Amino acid sequence: MRIVIDTNVFVSALISPSGKPASVLNLALGGSIVPVADALIFAEYFDV
């Protein structure tokens, strides 16, 4: 499955490592899902 991890999900995962957003991030890091993004999403990540 391919997903876009929105910036608020990424930040929430970092703030609360036991929450649902962190579970999504862990699935991506483990290879169970494939995160996809374009230049605009990466720019938003770097701005935050």
C-alpha atoms as a PDB file:
ATOM      1  CA  MET A   1       0.000   0.000   0.000  1.00  0.00           C
ATOM      2  CA  ARG A   2       1.282   3.479  -0.836  1.00  0.00           C
ATOM      3  CA  ILE A   3       0.345   6.442   1.342  1.00  0.00           C
ATOM      4  CA  VAL A   4       1.172  10.102   1.777  1.00  0.00           C
ATOM      5  CA  ILE A   5       2.112  10.868   5.369  1.00  0.00           C
ATOM      6  CA  ASP A   6       0.839  14.376   6.019  1.00  0.00           C
ATOM      7  CA  THR A   7       3.038  16.745   7.983  1.00  0.00           C
ATOM      8  CA  ASN A   8       0.708  16.790  10.992  1.00  0.00           C
ATOM      9  CA  VAL A   9       0.862  12.973  11.184  1.00  0.00           C
ATOM     10  CA  PHE A  10       4.660  13.052  11.026  1.00  0.00           C
ATOM     11  CA  VAL A  11       4.915  15.697  13.763  1.00  0.00           C
ATOM     12  CA  SER A  12       2.328  13.926  15.950  1.00  0.00           C
ATOM     13  CA  ALA A  13       4.309  10.695  15.635  1.00  0.00           C
ATOM     14  CA  LEU A  14       7.418  12.449  16.918  1.00  0.00           C
ATOM     15  CA  ILE A  15       5.554  14.082  19.811  1.00  0.00           C
ATOM     16  CA  SER A  16       3.662  10.961  20.912  1.00  0.00           C
ATOM     17  CA  PRO A  17       5.621   7.781  20.102  1.00  0.00           C
ATOM     18  CA  SER A  18       2.829   5.511  21.354  1.00  0.00           C
ATOM     19  CA  GLY A  19      -0.015   7.094  19.368  1.00  0.00           C
ATOM     20  CA  LYS A  20      -1.686   6.084  16.121  1.00  0.00           C
ATOM     21  CA  PRO A  21       0.400   8.461  13.981  1.00  0.00           C
ATOM     22  CA  ALA A  22       3.535   6.788  15.350  1.00  0.00           C
ATOM     23  CA  SER A  23       2.070   3.412  14.371  1.00  0.00           C
ATOM     24  CA  VAL A  24       1.692   4.664  10.802  1.00  0.00           C
ATOM     25  CA  LEU A  25       5.273   5.930  10.791  1.00  0.00           C
ATOM     26  CA  ASN A  26       6.509   2.599  12.174  1.00  0.00           C
ATOM     27  CA  LEU A  27       4.661   0.726   9.419  1.00  0.00           C
ATOM     28  CA  ALA A  28       6.426   2.919   6.868  1.00  0.00           C
ATOM     29  CA  LEU A  29       9.818   2.440   8.503  1.00  0.00           C
ATOM     30  CA  GLY A  30       9.228  -1.314   8.645  1.00  0.00           C
ATOM     31  CA  GLY A  31       8.317  -1.523   4.966  1.00  0.00           C
ATOM     32  CA  SER A  32       4.701  -2.625   5.453  1.00  0.00           C
ATOM     33  CA  ILE A  33       3.510   0.503   3.671  1.00  0.00           C
ATOM     34  CA  VAL A  34       5.306   2.694   1.154  1.00  0.00           C
ATOM     35  CA  PRO A  35       5.293   6.417   1.845  1.00  0.00           C
ATOM     36  CA  VAL A  36       5.106   8.615  -1.251  1.00  0.00           C
ATOM     37  CA  ALA A  37       5.595  12.357  -1.552  1.00  0.00           C
ATOM     38  CA  ASP A  38       6.282  15.030  -4.092  1.00  0.00           C
ATOM     39  CA  ALA A  39       8.456  18.122  -3.875  1.00  0.00           C
ATOM     40  CA  LEU A  40       5.688  20.143  -2.198  1.00  0.00           C
ATOM     41  CA  ILE A  41       5.273  17.605   0.616  1.00  0.00           C
ATOM     42  CA  PHE A  42       9.049  17.453   1.174  1.00  0.00           C
ATOM     43  CA  ALA A  43       9.180  21.255   1.262  1.00  0.00           C
ATOM     44  CA  GLU A  44       6.452  21.269   3.911  1.00  0.00           C
ATOM     45  CA  TYR A  45       8.360  18.654   5.958  1.00  0.00           C
ATOM     46  CA  PHE A  46      11.495  20.807   5.871  1.00  0.00           C
ATOM     47  CA  ASP A  47       9.580  23.980   6.763  1.00  0.00           C
ATOM     48  CA  VAL A  48       8.273  22.344   9.925  1.00  0.00           C
END
